[in-house]
Amino acid sequence: GLPSSVYAEQLAPSVAKRVVLVHGLARSSLSMWYLQTRLEVAGFDVVSLDYDSLNHSPEEVQRQVDQQIKACCDDGIATHYVGYSLGGLLIRGFFANPKNLRFALSRAQVVMIGTPNNGTQVVDKFSDERWFQLLGDTTLALGTDSNSFPMGLPLPDFAAGIIAGTNSWALADDILGEESDGLVPVKSTQLPNMADFIKVYANHSMLRYNGQVAEQTLFFLNN
């Protein structure tokens, strides 16, 4: 059979009117209200997932997301996926599971916003600190070592549109020593097989509420 990416390319992007929106670490679906509203105004049906990430392992978080995607979207209808931060990794995790292969046949475009595809050194630096460990296993799994959650994911079989933030602060610059959104280095958001990439001047948490991020997301989904 044809690889799933070939099926995806056969879907005219404009055909897909459903978007699965996946929020980030320690947030809820409410944290994506701005992007959800912009997508809905543009004519998309938005399914905003709502998973719990604190005090859960990456495997438990992934299980929640997998169940929610299956509950909303197991109908063969063309669907876009947009993930913010950890949400982008969970989209990758969903499609990396062979059991979810059929969902790739109806997958249209994927956008990742501020996603630490290669982990972040901020987690490396603070992972031994007691206060940081209270944030739970999923937070601790977002470092850059080979055992981390992002580094354990295979290269996706889709070409995503990737948006990175560039508004950092002094402490993060000291830790990361490179261009970042204050938490995630710009380089860490990138994948070798990404379809498109753009930098936006916003810090990590404000990427969710940034007008340019919303416009670029809409542009990628439509074109």
N, C-alpha and C. Protein backbone atom coordinates (compact mmCIF):
# COMPACT_ATOMS: atom_id res chain seq x y z
N GLY A 1 0.82 -1.21 0.00
CA GLY A 1 0.00 0.00 0.00
C GLY A 1 0.85 1.25 0.00
N LEU A 2 0.22 2.35 -0.31
CA LEU A 2 0.90 3.62 -0.31
C LEU A 2 1.23 4.04 1.12
N PRO A 3 2.36 4.73 1.32
CA PRO A 3 2.63 5.26 2.66
C PRO A 3 1.58 6.30 3.03
N SER A 4 1.34 6.44 4.32
CA SER A 4 0.26 7.33 4.77
C SER A 4 0.47 8.76 4.31
N SER A 5 1.74 9.17 4.19
CA SER A 5 2.00 10.56 3.78
C SER A 5 1.50 10.82 2.37
N VAL A 6 1.50 9.78 1.52
CA VAL A 6 0.99 9.95 0.16
C VAL A 6 -0.51 10.15 0.19
N TYR A 7 -1.22 9.38 1.03
CA TYR A 7 -2.65 9.59 1.18
C TYR A 7 -2.94 11.02 1.64
N ALA A 8 -2.15 11.47 2.61
CA ALA A 8 -2.36 12.81 3.18
C ALA A 8 -2.20 13.88 2.11
N GLU A 9 -1.22 13.69 1.22
CA GLU A 9 -0.99 14.70 0.18
C GLU A 9 -2.13 14.70 -0.84
N GLN A 10 -2.85 13.59 -0.93
CA GLN A 10 -3.96 13.54 -1.88
C GLN A 10 -5.18 14.30 -1.37
N LEU A 11 -5.21 14.61 -0.06
CA LEU A 11 -6.30 15.39 0.51
C LEU A 11 -6.05 16.85 0.21
N ALA A 12 -6.95 17.50 -0.53
CA ALA A 12 -6.80 18.95 -0.71
C ALA A 12 -6.94 19.58 0.67
N PRO A 13 -5.94 20.36 1.11
CA PRO A 13 -5.99 20.92 2.46
C PRO A 13 -7.30 21.65 2.76
N SER A 14 -7.83 22.35 1.77
CA SER A 14 -9.05 23.13 1.99
C SER A 14 -10.27 22.24 2.25
N VAL A 15 -10.14 20.94 1.92
CA VAL A 15 -11.25 20.01 2.17
C VAL A 15 -11.45 19.80 3.66
N ALA A 16 -10.35 19.80 4.41
CA ALA A 16 -10.42 19.53 5.84
C ALA A 16 -10.96 20.75 6.58
N LYS A 17 -12.10 20.56 7.26
CA LYS A 17 -12.70 21.67 8.01
C LYS A 17 -12.68 21.39 9.51
N ARG A 18 -12.11 20.26 9.91
CA ARG A 18 -12.00 19.95 11.34
C ARG A 18 -10.56 20.11 11.79
N VAL A 19 -10.38 20.71 12.96
CA VAL A 19 -9.06 20.88 13.56
C VAL A 19 -9.08 20.30 14.96
N VAL A 20 -8.14 19.40 15.24
CA VAL A 20 -7.91 18.93 16.61
C VAL A 20 -6.84 19.83 17.21
N LEU A 21 -7.18 20.51 18.31
CA LEU A 21 -6.29 21.47 18.95
C LEU A 21 -5.80 20.84 20.27
N VAL A 22 -4.47 20.79 20.44
CA VAL A 22 -3.91 20.11 21.61
C VAL A 22 -3.07 21.10 22.43
N HIS A 23 -3.50 21.36 23.67
CA HIS A 23 -2.84 22.34 24.53
C HIS A 23 -1.52 21.82 25.08
N GLY A 24 -0.86 22.65 25.89
CA GLY A 24 0.47 22.32 26.41
C GLY A 24 0.47 21.83 27.84
N LEU A 25 1.67 21.72 28.38
CA LEU A 25 1.91 21.19 29.72
C LEU A 25 1.22 22.04 30.79
N ALA A 26 0.59 21.35 31.75
CA ALA A 26 -0.01 22.01 32.92
C ALA A 26 -1.09 23.01 32.55
N ARG A 27 -1.69 22.84 31.38
CA ARG A 27 -2.77 23.75 30.94
C ARG A 27 -4.04 22.93 30.75
N SER A 28 -5.07 23.62 30.24
CA SER A 28 -6.32 22.94 29.87
C SER A 28 -6.76 23.48 28.52
N SER A 29 -7.88 22.98 28.02
CA SER A 29 -8.39 23.45 26.73
C SER A 29 -8.68 24.95 26.77
N LEU A 30 -8.99 25.48 27.96
CA LEU A 30 -9.29 26.91 28.09
C LEU A 30 -8.10 27.78 27.68
N SER A 31 -6.90 27.24 27.84
CA SER A 31 -5.69 28.01 27.52
C SER A 31 -5.55 28.25 26.02
N MET A 32 -6.35 27.54 25.22
CA MET A 32 -6.27 27.67 23.76
C MET A 32 -7.44 28.47 23.19
N TRP A 33 -8.13 29.23 24.04
CA TRP A 33 -9.36 29.91 23.61
C TRP A 33 -9.12 30.87 22.44
N TYR A 34 -7.99 31.59 22.46
CA TYR A 34 -7.75 32.58 21.41
C TYR A 34 -7.58 31.90 20.05
N LEU A 35 -6.74 30.88 20.01
CA LEU A 35 -6.49 30.17 18.75
C LEU A 35 -7.76 29.44 18.31
N GLN A 36 -8.49 28.86 19.26
CA GLN A 36 -9.74 28.18 18.93
C GLN A 36 -10.73 29.16 18.28
N THR A 37 -10.84 30.35 18.86
CA THR A 37 -11.77 31.35 18.32
C THR A 37 -11.37 31.77 16.91
N ARG A 38 -10.07 32.00 16.72
CA ARG A 38 -9.59 32.41 15.38
C ARG A 38 -9.87 31.32 14.34
N LEU A 39 -9.69 30.08 14.72
CA LEU A 39 -9.96 28.96 13.81
C LEU A 39 -11.45 28.86 13.49
N GLU A 40 -12.27 29.02 14.50
CA GLU A 40 -13.72 28.92 14.31
C GLU A 40 -14.24 30.05 13.44
N VAL A 41 -13.75 31.25 13.65
CA VAL A 41 -14.15 32.40 12.83
C VAL A 41 -13.77 32.16 11.37
N ALA A 42 -12.66 31.45 11.16
CA ALA A 42 -12.20 31.14 9.80
C ALA A 42 -12.97 29.97 9.17
N GLY A 43 -13.92 29.40 9.92
CA GLY A 43 -14.79 28.36 9.35
C GLY A 43 -14.43 26.93 9.71
N PHE A 44 -13.52 26.75 10.65
CA PHE A 44 -13.14 25.40 11.05
C PHE A 44 -13.99 24.91 12.23
N ASP A 45 -14.26 23.61 12.24
CA ASP A 45 -14.85 22.96 13.42
C ASP A 45 -13.68 22.53 14.30
N VAL A 46 -13.62 23.06 15.52
CA VAL A 46 -12.48 22.81 16.39
C VAL A 46 -12.83 21.83 17.51
N VAL A 47 -12.02 20.80 17.64
CA VAL A 47 -12.10 19.89 18.79
C VAL A 47 -10.89 20.20 19.66
N SER A 48 -11.12 20.89 20.79
CA SER A 48 -10.02 21.26 21.67
C SER A 48 -9.88 20.21 22.77
N LEU A 49 -8.81 19.44 22.72
CA LEU A 49 -8.61 18.36 23.69
C LEU A 49 -8.35 18.93 25.09
N ASP A 50 -8.65 18.15 26.11
CA ASP A 50 -8.49 18.60 27.48
C ASP A 50 -7.92 17.44 28.30
N TYR A 51 -6.61 17.38 28.39
CA TYR A 51 -5.95 16.30 29.13
C TYR A 51 -5.25 16.86 30.36
N ASP A 52 -4.95 16.01 31.30
CA ASP A 52 -4.27 16.39 32.53
C ASP A 52 -2.83 15.90 32.46
N SER A 53 -1.87 16.80 32.65
CA SER A 53 -0.47 16.40 32.48
C SER A 53 0.34 16.39 33.77
N LEU A 54 -0.02 17.20 34.75
CA LEU A 54 0.76 17.23 35.99
C LEU A 54 0.54 15.94 36.79
N ASN A 55 1.62 15.43 37.37
CA ASN A 55 1.58 14.20 38.17
C ASN A 55 1.16 12.97 37.35
N HIS A 56 1.40 13.03 36.06
CA HIS A 56 1.16 11.87 35.19
C HIS A 56 2.43 11.61 34.39
N SER A 57 2.66 10.35 34.07
CA SER A 57 3.80 9.99 33.22
C SER A 57 3.45 10.35 31.77
N PRO A 58 4.47 10.50 30.91
CA PRO A 58 4.19 10.75 29.50
C PRO A 58 3.28 9.69 28.89
N GLU A 59 3.46 8.43 29.32
CA GLU A 59 2.62 7.35 28.78
C GLU A 59 1.15 7.54 29.16
N GLU A 60 0.92 7.99 30.40
CA GLU A 60 -0.46 8.22 30.85
C GLU A 60 -1.08 9.41 30.12
N VAL A 61 -0.29 10.45 29.92
CA VAL A 61 -0.77 11.63 29.20
C VAL A 61 -1.09 11.25 27.75
N GLN A 62 -0.18 10.49 27.13
CA GLN A 62 -0.40 10.06 25.74
C GLN A 62 -1.67 9.23 25.62
N ARG A 63 -1.92 8.37 26.63
CA ARG A 63 -3.12 7.53 26.60
C ARG A 63 -4.39 8.39 26.62
N GLN A 64 -4.38 9.44 27.43
CA GLN A 64 -5.53 10.34 27.48
C GLN A 64 -5.79 10.98 26.11
N VAL A 65 -4.71 11.47 25.51
CA VAL A 65 -4.83 12.15 24.21
C VAL A 65 -5.30 11.18 23.13
N ASP A 66 -4.72 9.98 23.12
CA ASP A 66 -5.13 8.97 22.14
C ASP A 66 -6.62 8.66 22.26
N GLN A 67 -7.09 8.50 23.48
CA GLN A 67 -8.52 8.18 23.70
C GLN A 67 -9.41 9.32 23.21
N GLN A 68 -8.99 10.55 23.45
CA GLN A 68 -9.81 11.70 23.06
C GLN A 68 -9.85 11.88 21.54
N ILE A 69 -8.72 11.64 20.88
CA ILE A 69 -8.71 11.72 19.41
C ILE A 69 -9.59 10.63 18.82
N LYS A 70 -9.50 9.43 19.38
CA LYS A 70 -10.34 8.33 18.89
C LYS A 70 -11.82 8.60 19.12
N ALA A 71 -12.13 9.26 20.24
CA ALA A 71 -13.53 9.55 20.56
C ALA A 71 -14.14 10.58 19.61
N CYS A 72 -13.31 11.53 19.16
CA CYS A 72 -13.85 12.62 18.33
C CYS A 72 -13.77 12.35 16.84
N CYS A 73 -12.76 11.59 16.44
CA CYS A 73 -12.36 11.68 15.04
C CYS A 73 -12.14 10.35 14.32
N ASP A 74 -12.78 9.30 14.82
CA ASP A 74 -12.59 7.98 14.19
C ASP A 74 -13.68 7.76 13.14
N ASP A 75 -13.79 8.71 12.20
CA ASP A 75 -14.87 8.64 11.21
C ASP A 75 -14.37 8.84 9.78
N GLY A 76 -13.04 8.91 9.62
CA GLY A 76 -12.48 9.04 8.27
C GLY A 76 -12.59 10.41 7.65
N ILE A 77 -13.09 11.40 8.42
CA ILE A 77 -13.22 12.76 7.90
C ILE A 77 -11.87 13.46 7.97
N ALA A 78 -11.50 14.16 6.90
CA ALA A 78 -10.21 14.86 6.84
C ALA A 78 -10.06 15.82 8.02
N THR A 79 -8.92 15.75 8.69
CA THR A 79 -8.73 16.49 9.93
C THR A 79 -7.32 17.08 10.01
N HIS A 80 -7.25 18.36 10.41
CA HIS A 80 -5.98 19.01 10.71
C HIS A 80 -5.65 18.80 12.19
N TYR A 81 -4.36 18.90 12.54
CA TYR A 81 -3.93 18.80 13.93
C TYR A 81 -3.01 19.98 14.24
N VAL A 82 -3.33 20.69 15.33
CA VAL A 82 -2.51 21.83 15.76
C VAL A 82 -2.13 21.61 17.22
N GLY A 83 -0.83 21.57 17.50
CA GLY A 83 -0.36 21.34 18.86
C GLY A 83 0.51 22.47 19.36
N TYR A 84 0.23 22.93 20.58
CA TYR A 84 1.07 23.93 21.22
C TYR A 84 1.99 23.26 22.23
N SER A 85 3.29 23.54 22.13
CA SER A 85 4.28 23.04 23.09
C SER A 85 4.21 21.50 23.20
N LEU A 86 3.94 20.97 24.39
CA LEU A 86 3.82 19.52 24.58
C LEU A 86 2.78 18.93 23.65
N GLY A 87 1.76 19.70 23.32
CA GLY A 87 0.71 19.21 22.43
C GLY A 87 1.24 18.71 21.09
N GLY A 88 2.27 19.37 20.57
CA GLY A 88 2.87 18.91 19.32
C GLY A 88 3.53 17.55 19.46
N LEU A 89 4.17 17.32 20.60
CA LEU A 89 4.80 16.01 20.85
C LEU A 89 3.74 14.92 20.98
N LEU A 90 2.59 15.26 21.59
CA LEU A 90 1.53 14.27 21.76
C LEU A 90 0.87 13.92 20.43
N ILE A 91 0.82 14.88 19.52
CA ILE A 91 0.35 14.58 18.16
C ILE A 91 1.33 13.62 17.49
N ARG A 92 2.62 13.90 17.63
CA ARG A 92 3.63 12.99 17.09
C ARG A 92 3.51 11.61 17.70
N GLY A 93 3.31 11.56 19.02
CA GLY A 93 3.18 10.28 19.71
C GLY A 93 1.98 9.49 19.24
N PHE A 94 0.88 10.20 18.98
CA PHE A 94 -0.33 9.53 18.50
C PHE A 94 -0.08 8.86 17.15
N PHE A 95 0.54 9.59 16.24
CA PHE A 95 0.75 9.04 14.89
C PHE A 95 1.93 8.07 14.82
N ALA A 96 2.76 8.05 15.86
CA ALA A 96 3.87 7.08 15.89
C ALA A 96 3.38 5.69 16.29
N ASN A 97 2.18 5.62 16.85
CA ASN A 97 1.62 4.34 17.30
C ASN A 97 0.99 3.60 16.12
N PRO A 98 1.51 2.42 15.78
CA PRO A 98 0.97 1.66 14.64
C PRO A 98 -0.54 1.40 14.74
N LYS A 99 -1.06 1.35 15.96
CA LYS A 99 -2.49 1.10 16.16
C LYS A 99 -3.35 2.26 15.63
N ASN A 100 -2.72 3.43 15.44
CA ASN A 100 -3.47 4.60 14.99
C ASN A 100 -3.24 4.90 13.52
N LEU A 101 -2.72 3.93 12.80
CA LEU A 101 -2.36 4.14 11.40
C LEU A 101 -3.52 4.64 10.55
N ARG A 102 -4.73 4.14 10.83
CA ARG A 102 -5.87 4.53 10.00
C ARG A 102 -6.15 6.03 10.08
N PHE A 103 -5.77 6.66 11.20
CA PHE A 103 -6.00 8.10 11.35
C PHE A 103 -5.10 8.90 10.42
N ALA A 104 -3.96 8.33 10.04
CA ALA A 104 -3.06 9.02 9.11
C ALA A 104 -3.69 9.14 7.73
N LEU A 105 -4.61 8.24 7.40
CA LEU A 105 -5.25 8.28 6.08
C LEU A 105 -6.15 9.50 5.91
N SER A 106 -6.66 10.02 7.03
CA SER A 106 -7.53 11.20 6.96
C SER A 106 -6.86 12.45 7.53
N ARG A 107 -5.58 12.33 7.84
CA ARG A 107 -4.85 13.48 8.38
C ARG A 107 -4.54 14.47 7.26
N ALA A 108 -4.86 15.74 7.49
CA ALA A 108 -4.53 16.78 6.51
C ALA A 108 -3.21 17.43 6.92
N GLN A 109 -3.24 18.63 7.50
CA GLN A 109 -2.00 19.30 7.88
C GLN A 109 -1.76 19.24 9.39
N VAL A 110 -0.50 19.37 9.76
CA VAL A 110 -0.12 19.42 11.18
C VAL A 110 0.70 20.68 11.41
N VAL A 111 0.33 21.44 12.45
CA VAL A 111 1.09 22.62 12.85
C VAL A 111 1.57 22.44 14.28
N MET A 112 2.83 22.75 14.54
CA MET A 112 3.39 22.69 15.89
C MET A 112 3.87 24.08 16.28
N ILE A 113 3.44 24.54 17.46
CA ILE A 113 3.74 25.88 17.93
C ILE A 113 4.58 25.79 19.21
N GLY A 114 5.83 26.23 19.15
CA GLY A 114 6.69 26.19 20.33
C GLY A 114 6.91 24.81 20.89
N THR A 115 6.89 23.82 20.03
CA THR A 115 7.03 22.43 20.48
C THR A 115 8.51 22.05 20.65
N PRO A 116 8.90 21.53 21.83
CA PRO A 116 10.30 21.14 22.04
C PRO A 116 10.61 19.80 21.39
N ASN A 117 10.65 19.78 20.07
CA ASN A 117 10.85 18.52 19.34
C ASN A 117 12.18 17.85 19.67
N ASN A 118 13.14 18.63 20.15
CA ASN A 118 14.43 18.08 20.54
C ASN A 118 14.73 18.34 22.02
N GLY A 119 13.66 18.53 22.80
CA GLY A 119 13.81 18.77 24.23
C GLY A 119 14.31 20.17 24.54
N THR A 120 14.43 20.48 25.82
CA THR A 120 14.95 21.78 26.22
C THR A 120 15.95 21.64 27.38
N GLN A 121 17.01 22.42 27.30
CA GLN A 121 18.06 22.39 28.32
C GLN A 121 17.57 22.98 29.64
N VAL A 122 16.46 23.71 29.62
CA VAL A 122 15.90 24.25 30.86
C VAL A 122 15.54 23.09 31.80
N VAL A 123 14.96 22.02 31.22
CA VAL A 123 14.64 20.83 32.03
C VAL A 123 15.92 20.15 32.50
N ASP A 124 16.91 20.07 31.62
CA ASP A 124 18.19 19.46 32.01
C ASP A 124 18.76 20.16 33.25
N LYS A 125 18.70 21.49 33.25
CA LYS A 125 19.33 22.28 34.31
C LYS A 125 18.66 22.10 35.66
N PHE A 126 17.32 22.03 35.64
CA PHE A 126 16.59 22.04 36.91
C PHE A 126 16.04 20.68 37.34
N SER A 127 16.31 19.64 36.57
CA SER A 127 15.68 18.34 36.84
C SER A 127 16.05 17.75 38.21
N ASP A 128 17.19 18.15 38.77
CA ASP A 128 17.59 17.63 40.08
C ASP A 128 17.04 18.46 41.25
N GLU A 129 16.41 19.59 40.92
CA GLU A 129 15.89 20.47 41.97
C GLU A 129 14.56 19.92 42.50
N ARG A 130 14.40 19.93 43.81
CA ARG A 130 13.18 19.39 44.43
C ARG A 130 11.92 20.10 43.94
N TRP A 131 11.97 21.43 43.85
CA TRP A 131 10.78 22.19 43.42
C TRP A 131 10.38 21.84 41.99
N PHE A 132 11.39 21.54 41.18
CA PHE A 132 11.11 21.22 39.78
C PHE A 132 10.51 19.82 39.66
N GLN A 133 10.97 18.92 40.51
CA GLN A 133 10.46 17.54 40.48
C GLN A 133 8.98 17.47 40.86
N LEU A 134 8.52 18.48 41.60
CA LEU A 134 7.10 18.53 41.98
C LEU A 134 6.19 18.73 40.76
N LEU A 135 6.77 19.17 39.64
CA LEU A 135 5.99 19.38 38.41
C LEU A 135 5.63 18.07 37.73
N GLY A 136 6.23 16.97 38.17
CA GLY A 136 5.82 15.65 37.69
C GLY A 136 6.68 15.06 36.60
N ASP A 137 6.39 13.80 36.31
CA ASP A 137 7.22 13.02 35.39
C ASP A 137 7.22 13.55 33.96
N THR A 138 6.07 14.04 33.49
CA THR A 138 6.03 14.51 32.11
C THR A 138 6.90 15.74 31.93
N THR A 139 6.89 16.64 32.90
CA THR A 139 7.77 17.81 32.85
C THR A 139 9.22 17.37 32.81
N LEU A 140 9.57 16.43 33.69
CA LEU A 140 10.95 15.95 33.78
C LEU A 140 11.39 15.19 32.52
N ALA A 141 10.43 14.75 31.73
CA ALA A 141 10.74 13.96 30.53
C ALA A 141 10.99 14.83 29.29
N LEU A 142 11.03 16.15 29.47
CA LEU A 142 11.16 17.04 28.31
C LEU A 142 12.58 17.58 28.11
N GLY A 143 13.55 16.88 28.67
CA GLY A 143 14.95 17.28 28.51
C GLY A 143 15.52 16.85 27.17
N THR A 144 16.84 16.98 27.05
CA THR A 144 17.49 16.72 25.76
C THR A 144 18.24 15.38 25.71
N ASP A 145 18.24 14.62 26.82
CA ASP A 145 18.97 13.35 26.78
C ASP A 145 18.22 12.31 25.97
N SER A 146 18.89 11.25 25.61
CA SER A 146 18.33 10.26 24.69
C SER A 146 17.12 9.53 25.25
N ASN A 147 16.95 9.57 26.58
CA ASN A 147 15.82 8.88 27.20
C ASN A 147 14.58 9.77 27.35
N SER A 148 14.69 11.03 26.93
CA SER A 148 13.57 11.96 27.12
C SER A 148 12.41 11.61 26.19
N PHE A 149 11.24 12.15 26.51
CA PHE A 149 10.04 11.88 25.70
C PHE A 149 10.22 12.33 24.24
N PRO A 150 10.63 13.60 23.99
CA PRO A 150 10.78 14.01 22.59
C PRO A 150 11.85 13.23 21.84
N MET A 151 12.98 12.93 22.52
CA MET A 151 14.08 12.26 21.82
C MET A 151 13.75 10.79 21.55
N GLY A 152 12.75 10.26 22.24
CA GLY A 152 12.35 8.87 22.03
C GLY A 152 11.34 8.69 20.92
N LEU A 153 10.83 9.79 20.38
CA LEU A 153 9.84 9.70 19.31
C LEU A 153 10.52 9.53 17.96
N PRO A 154 9.95 8.70 17.08
CA PRO A 154 10.53 8.59 15.74
C PRO A 154 10.24 9.85 14.93
N LEU A 155 11.03 10.09 13.89
CA LEU A 155 10.76 11.20 12.98
C LEU A 155 9.35 11.01 12.42
N PRO A 156 8.50 12.04 12.47
CA PRO A 156 7.12 11.84 12.01
C PRO A 156 7.04 11.51 10.53
N ASP A 157 5.97 10.80 10.15
CA ASP A 157 5.77 10.44 8.75
C ASP A 157 5.01 11.54 8.02
N PHE A 158 4.88 12.71 8.67
CA PHE A 158 4.22 13.87 8.04
C PHE A 158 5.19 15.05 8.10
N ALA A 159 4.96 16.01 7.22
CA ALA A 159 5.78 17.22 7.19
C ALA A 159 4.98 18.36 7.82
N ALA A 160 5.37 18.78 9.01
CA ALA A 160 4.60 19.77 9.76
C ALA A 160 5.01 21.20 9.41
N GLY A 161 4.10 22.12 9.67
CA GLY A 161 4.43 23.54 9.69
C GLY A 161 4.81 23.87 11.12
N ILE A 162 5.96 24.50 11.31
CA ILE A 162 6.49 24.74 12.66
C ILE A 162 6.67 26.22 12.92
N ILE A 163 6.17 26.66 14.09
CA ILE A 163 6.29 28.06 14.51
C ILE A 163 7.10 28.11 15.80
N ALA A 164 8.13 28.97 15.83
CA ALA A 164 8.98 29.11 17.02
C ALA A 164 8.94 30.55 17.50
N GLY A 165 9.00 30.73 18.82
CA GLY A 165 9.06 32.07 19.41
C GLY A 165 10.49 32.51 19.63
N THR A 166 10.71 33.84 19.64
CA THR A 166 12.08 34.36 19.79
C THR A 166 12.21 35.40 20.90
N ASN A 167 11.15 35.62 21.68
CA ASN A 167 11.23 36.61 22.76
C ASN A 167 11.61 35.91 24.06
N SER A 168 12.87 36.07 24.44
CA SER A 168 13.39 35.37 25.61
C SER A 168 13.62 36.36 26.75
N TRP A 169 14.32 35.89 27.80
CA TRP A 169 14.74 36.79 28.89
C TRP A 169 16.12 36.36 29.36
N ALA A 170 16.74 37.21 30.18
CA ALA A 170 18.16 37.06 30.50
C ALA A 170 18.49 35.69 31.12
N LEU A 171 17.67 35.23 32.07
CA LEU A 171 17.95 33.96 32.74
C LEU A 171 17.96 32.81 31.73
N ALA A 172 16.96 32.79 30.86
CA ALA A 172 16.89 31.73 29.85
C ALA A 172 18.07 31.81 28.89
N ASP A 173 18.45 33.05 28.54
CA ASP A 173 19.60 33.21 27.64
C ASP A 173 20.87 32.65 28.28
N ASP A 174 21.01 32.83 29.59
CA ASP A 174 22.18 32.31 30.30
C ASP A 174 22.19 30.78 30.28
N ILE A 175 21.00 30.18 30.43
CA ILE A 175 20.90 28.71 30.47
C ILE A 175 21.05 28.12 29.08
N LEU A 176 20.33 28.69 28.12
CA LEU A 176 20.26 28.10 26.79
C LEU A 176 21.41 28.55 25.88
N GLY A 177 21.81 29.81 26.01
CA GLY A 177 22.91 30.31 25.20
C GLY A 177 22.61 30.37 23.72
N GLU A 178 21.34 30.43 23.38
CA GLU A 178 20.94 30.51 21.96
C GLU A 178 19.54 31.10 21.86
N GLU A 179 19.14 31.43 20.65
CA GLU A 179 17.83 32.03 20.41
C GLU A 179 16.71 31.11 20.90
N SER A 180 15.76 31.68 21.66
CA SER A 180 14.69 30.85 22.22
C SER A 180 13.47 31.71 22.52
N ASP A 181 12.40 31.03 22.97
CA ASP A 181 11.20 31.74 23.41
C ASP A 181 11.19 31.89 24.93
N GLY A 182 12.33 31.62 25.55
CA GLY A 182 12.44 31.69 27.00
C GLY A 182 12.38 30.33 27.67
N LEU A 183 11.87 29.35 26.95
CA LEU A 183 11.82 27.98 27.45
C LEU A 183 12.34 26.98 26.44
N VAL A 184 11.98 27.18 25.18
CA VAL A 184 12.33 26.24 24.12
C VAL A 184 13.23 26.92 23.09
N PRO A 185 14.43 26.39 22.85
CA PRO A 185 15.29 26.97 21.82
C PRO A 185 14.64 26.87 20.44
N VAL A 186 14.88 27.87 19.62
CA VAL A 186 14.33 27.86 18.25
C VAL A 186 14.76 26.59 17.53
N LYS A 187 16.03 26.23 17.69
CA LYS A 187 16.53 25.02 16.99
C LYS A 187 15.81 23.76 17.45
N SER A 188 15.39 23.73 18.70
CA SER A 188 14.72 22.53 19.23
C SER A 188 13.34 22.32 18.63
N THR A 189 12.73 23.37 18.13
CA THR A 189 11.39 23.22 17.53
C THR A 189 11.46 22.55 16.16
N GLN A 190 12.62 22.60 15.54
CA GLN A 190 12.73 22.19 14.14
C GLN A 190 12.88 20.68 13.96
N LEU A 191 12.34 20.20 12.85
CA LEU A 191 12.48 18.80 12.45
C LEU A 191 13.09 18.76 11.05
N PRO A 192 13.91 17.75 10.76
CA PRO A 192 14.57 17.71 9.46
C PRO A 192 13.61 17.59 8.27
N ASN A 193 12.40 17.06 8.53
CA ASN A 193 11.45 16.88 7.42
C ASN A 193 10.26 17.84 7.52
N MET A 194 10.43 18.97 8.23
CA MET A 194 9.32 19.91 8.35
C MET A 194 8.99 20.52 6.98
N ALA A 195 7.72 20.87 6.80
CA ALA A 195 7.27 21.43 5.53
C ALA A 195 7.55 22.92 5.45
N ASP A 196 7.44 23.60 6.59
CA ASP A 196 7.62 25.05 6.61
C ASP A 196 8.01 25.46 8.03
N PHE A 197 8.67 26.61 8.14
CA PHE A 197 9.14 27.08 9.45
C PHE A 197 9.12 28.59 9.48
N ILE A 198 8.66 29.14 10.61
CA ILE A 198 8.68 30.60 10.76
C ILE A 198 8.94 30.95 12.22
N LYS A 199 9.63 32.07 12.42
CA LYS A 199 9.89 32.58 13.77
C LYS A 199 8.97 33.77 14.02
N VAL A 200 8.44 33.84 15.25
CA VAL A 200 7.55 34.93 15.64
C VAL A 200 8.09 35.52 16.94
N TYR A 201 8.08 36.85 17.04
CA TYR A 201 8.59 37.48 18.26
C TYR A 201 7.53 37.40 19.36
N ALA A 202 7.64 36.34 20.17
CA ALA A 202 6.73 36.13 21.30
C ALA A 202 7.43 35.18 22.26
N ASN A 203 7.12 35.29 23.56
CA ASN A 203 7.68 34.32 24.48
C ASN A 203 6.81 33.07 24.50
N HIS A 204 7.29 32.04 25.18
CA HIS A 204 6.65 30.72 25.08
C HIS A 204 5.16 30.76 25.41
N SER A 205 4.80 31.32 26.56
CA SER A 205 3.39 31.28 26.97
C SER A 205 2.51 32.16 26.10
N MET A 206 3.07 33.24 25.55
CA MET A 206 2.26 34.17 24.75
C MET A 206 2.09 33.72 23.30
N LEU A 207 2.79 32.67 22.89
CA LEU A 207 2.59 32.15 21.53
C LEU A 207 1.12 31.78 21.31
N ARG A 208 0.44 31.35 22.39
CA ARG A 208 -0.96 30.92 22.29
C ARG A 208 -1.89 32.08 21.96
N TYR A 209 -1.47 33.30 22.32
CA TYR A 209 -2.35 34.47 22.18
C TYR A 209 -1.85 35.45 21.13
N ASN A 210 -0.94 35.01 20.29
CA ASN A 210 -0.29 35.89 19.33
C ASN A 210 -1.03 35.89 17.99
N GLY A 211 -1.38 37.07 17.52
CA GLY A 211 -2.13 37.19 16.26
C GLY A 211 -1.37 36.64 15.07
N GLN A 212 -0.07 36.87 15.02
CA GLN A 212 0.73 36.38 13.90
C GLN A 212 0.80 34.85 13.90
N VAL A 213 0.88 34.27 15.08
CA VAL A 213 0.87 32.80 15.19
C VAL A 213 -0.44 32.25 14.62
N ALA A 214 -1.56 32.89 15.00
CA ALA A 214 -2.87 32.45 14.50
C ALA A 214 -2.95 32.59 12.98
N GLU A 215 -2.47 33.71 12.46
CA GLU A 215 -2.51 33.94 11.01
C GLU A 215 -1.66 32.92 10.26
N GLN A 216 -0.47 32.66 10.78
CA GLN A 216 0.41 31.69 10.13
C GLN A 216 -0.17 30.27 10.19
N THR A 217 -0.82 29.95 11.30
CA THR A 217 -1.46 28.64 11.44
C THR A 217 -2.56 28.49 10.40
N LEU A 218 -3.41 29.50 10.29
CA LEU A 218 -4.50 29.47 9.31
C LEU A 218 -3.96 29.38 7.88
N PHE A 219 -2.90 30.14 7.62
CA PHE A 219 -2.33 30.13 6.27
C PHE A 219 -1.83 28.73 5.91
N PHE A 220 -1.14 28.09 6.85
CA PHE A 220 -0.60 26.75 6.57
C PHE A 220 -1.72 25.74 6.37
N LEU A 221 -2.77 25.81 7.20
CA LEU A 221 -3.87 24.86 7.05
C LEU A 221 -4.59 25.03 5.71
N ASN A 222 -4.70 26.27 5.26
CA ASN A 222 -5.44 26.54 4.02
C ASN A 222 -4.62 26.37 2.76
N ASN A 223 -3.31 26.44 2.90
CA ASN A 223 -2.46 26.43 1.69
C ASN A 223 -1.42 25.33 1.68
